[in-house]
Amino acid sequence: MGNVDRVIRVILAAILAVLYFTGTVTGTLGLALVILGGVFVLTSLVSFCPLYAPLGISTCYVKKKAA
């Protein structure tokens, strides 16, 4: 997982947390969004997204070798 992907996930998690704790989003939807935000933070901390592997997605920057 690349740095840009990690930063975006943390920002989204913060936005979801603010929406929940200010009461903008409540109930089951609010709880689901807080859990999703927690997953975003966790995957950002470990730099691995379990959905990327089976889908073959990589957001990690790879330097190309000079020939």
Protein backbone atom coordinates (compact mmCIF):
# COMPACT_ATOMS: atom_id res chain seq x y z
CA MET A 1 0.00 0.00 0.00
CA GLY A 2 1.38 3.35 -1.01
CA ASN A 3 1.69 6.45 1.14
CA VAL A 4 -1.04 8.33 -0.73
CA ASP A 5 -3.44 5.43 -0.18
CA ARG A 6 -2.59 5.35 3.54
CA VAL A 7 -3.14 9.10 3.96
CA ILE A 8 -6.47 9.00 2.14
CA ARG A 9 -7.65 6.15 4.36
CA VAL A 10 -6.74 8.04 7.55
CA ILE A 11 -8.48 11.20 6.32
CA LEU A 12 -11.62 9.23 5.44
CA ALA A 13 -11.55 7.55 8.85
CA ALA A 14 -11.29 10.94 10.55
CA ILE A 15 -14.22 12.30 8.53
CA LEU A 16 -16.35 9.26 9.39
CA ALA A 17 -15.48 9.61 13.08
CA VAL A 18 -16.41 13.31 13.10
CA LEU A 19 -19.72 12.56 11.37
CA TYR A 20 -20.55 9.92 13.97
CA PHE A 21 -19.42 11.74 17.10
CA THR A 22 -21.13 15.01 16.13
CA GLY A 23 -24.40 13.12 15.67
CA THR A 24 -24.67 13.80 11.95
CA VAL A 25 -24.84 10.07 11.21
CA THR A 26 -26.44 7.91 13.88
CA GLY A 27 -27.88 4.46 14.43
CA THR A 28 -26.80 1.35 12.59
CA LEU A 29 -25.39 3.29 9.65
CA GLY A 30 -23.30 5.44 11.97
CA LEU A 31 -21.93 2.41 13.78
CA ALA A 32 -21.12 0.69 10.48
CA LEU A 33 -19.25 3.79 9.29
CA VAL A 34 -17.24 3.98 12.53
CA ILE A 35 -16.27 0.32 12.13
CA LEU A 36 -15.30 0.98 8.50
CA GLY A 37 -13.19 3.93 9.66
CA GLY A 38 -11.48 1.66 12.18
CA VAL A 39 -10.67 -0.81 9.42
CA PHE A 40 -9.25 2.06 7.34
CA VAL A 41 -6.97 3.13 10.19
CA LEU A 42 -5.88 -0.45 10.91
CA THR A 43 -5.04 -1.19 7.29
CA SER A 44 -3.15 2.11 7.07
CA LEU A 45 -1.06 1.25 10.12
CA VAL A 46 -0.08 -2.19 8.84
CA SER A 47 0.24 -1.01 5.20
CA PHE A 48 -1.74 -3.96 3.91
CA CYS A 49 -5.27 -4.23 2.55
CA PRO A 50 -6.63 -7.79 2.45
CA LEU A 51 -8.86 -6.95 -0.53
CA TYR A 52 -5.93 -5.81 -2.67
CA ALA A 53 -4.20 -9.22 -2.79
CA PRO A 54 -6.99 -11.26 -4.45
CA LEU A 55 -7.84 -8.37 -6.78
CA GLY A 56 -4.20 -7.89 -7.79
CA ILE A 57 -4.16 -4.20 -6.87
CA SER A 58 -1.01 -2.43 -5.74
CA THR A 59 -0.76 1.27 -4.86
CA CYS A 60 2.87 1.01 -3.79
CA TYR A 61 5.32 3.03 -5.82
CA VAL A 62 8.06 0.90 -7.36
CA LYS A 63 11.23 2.49 -8.71
CA LYS A 64 12.20 1.34 -12.18
CA LYS A 65 15.79 0.17 -12.63
CA ALA A 66 17.91 1.97 -15.16
CA ALA A 67 18.98 -0.37 -17.94
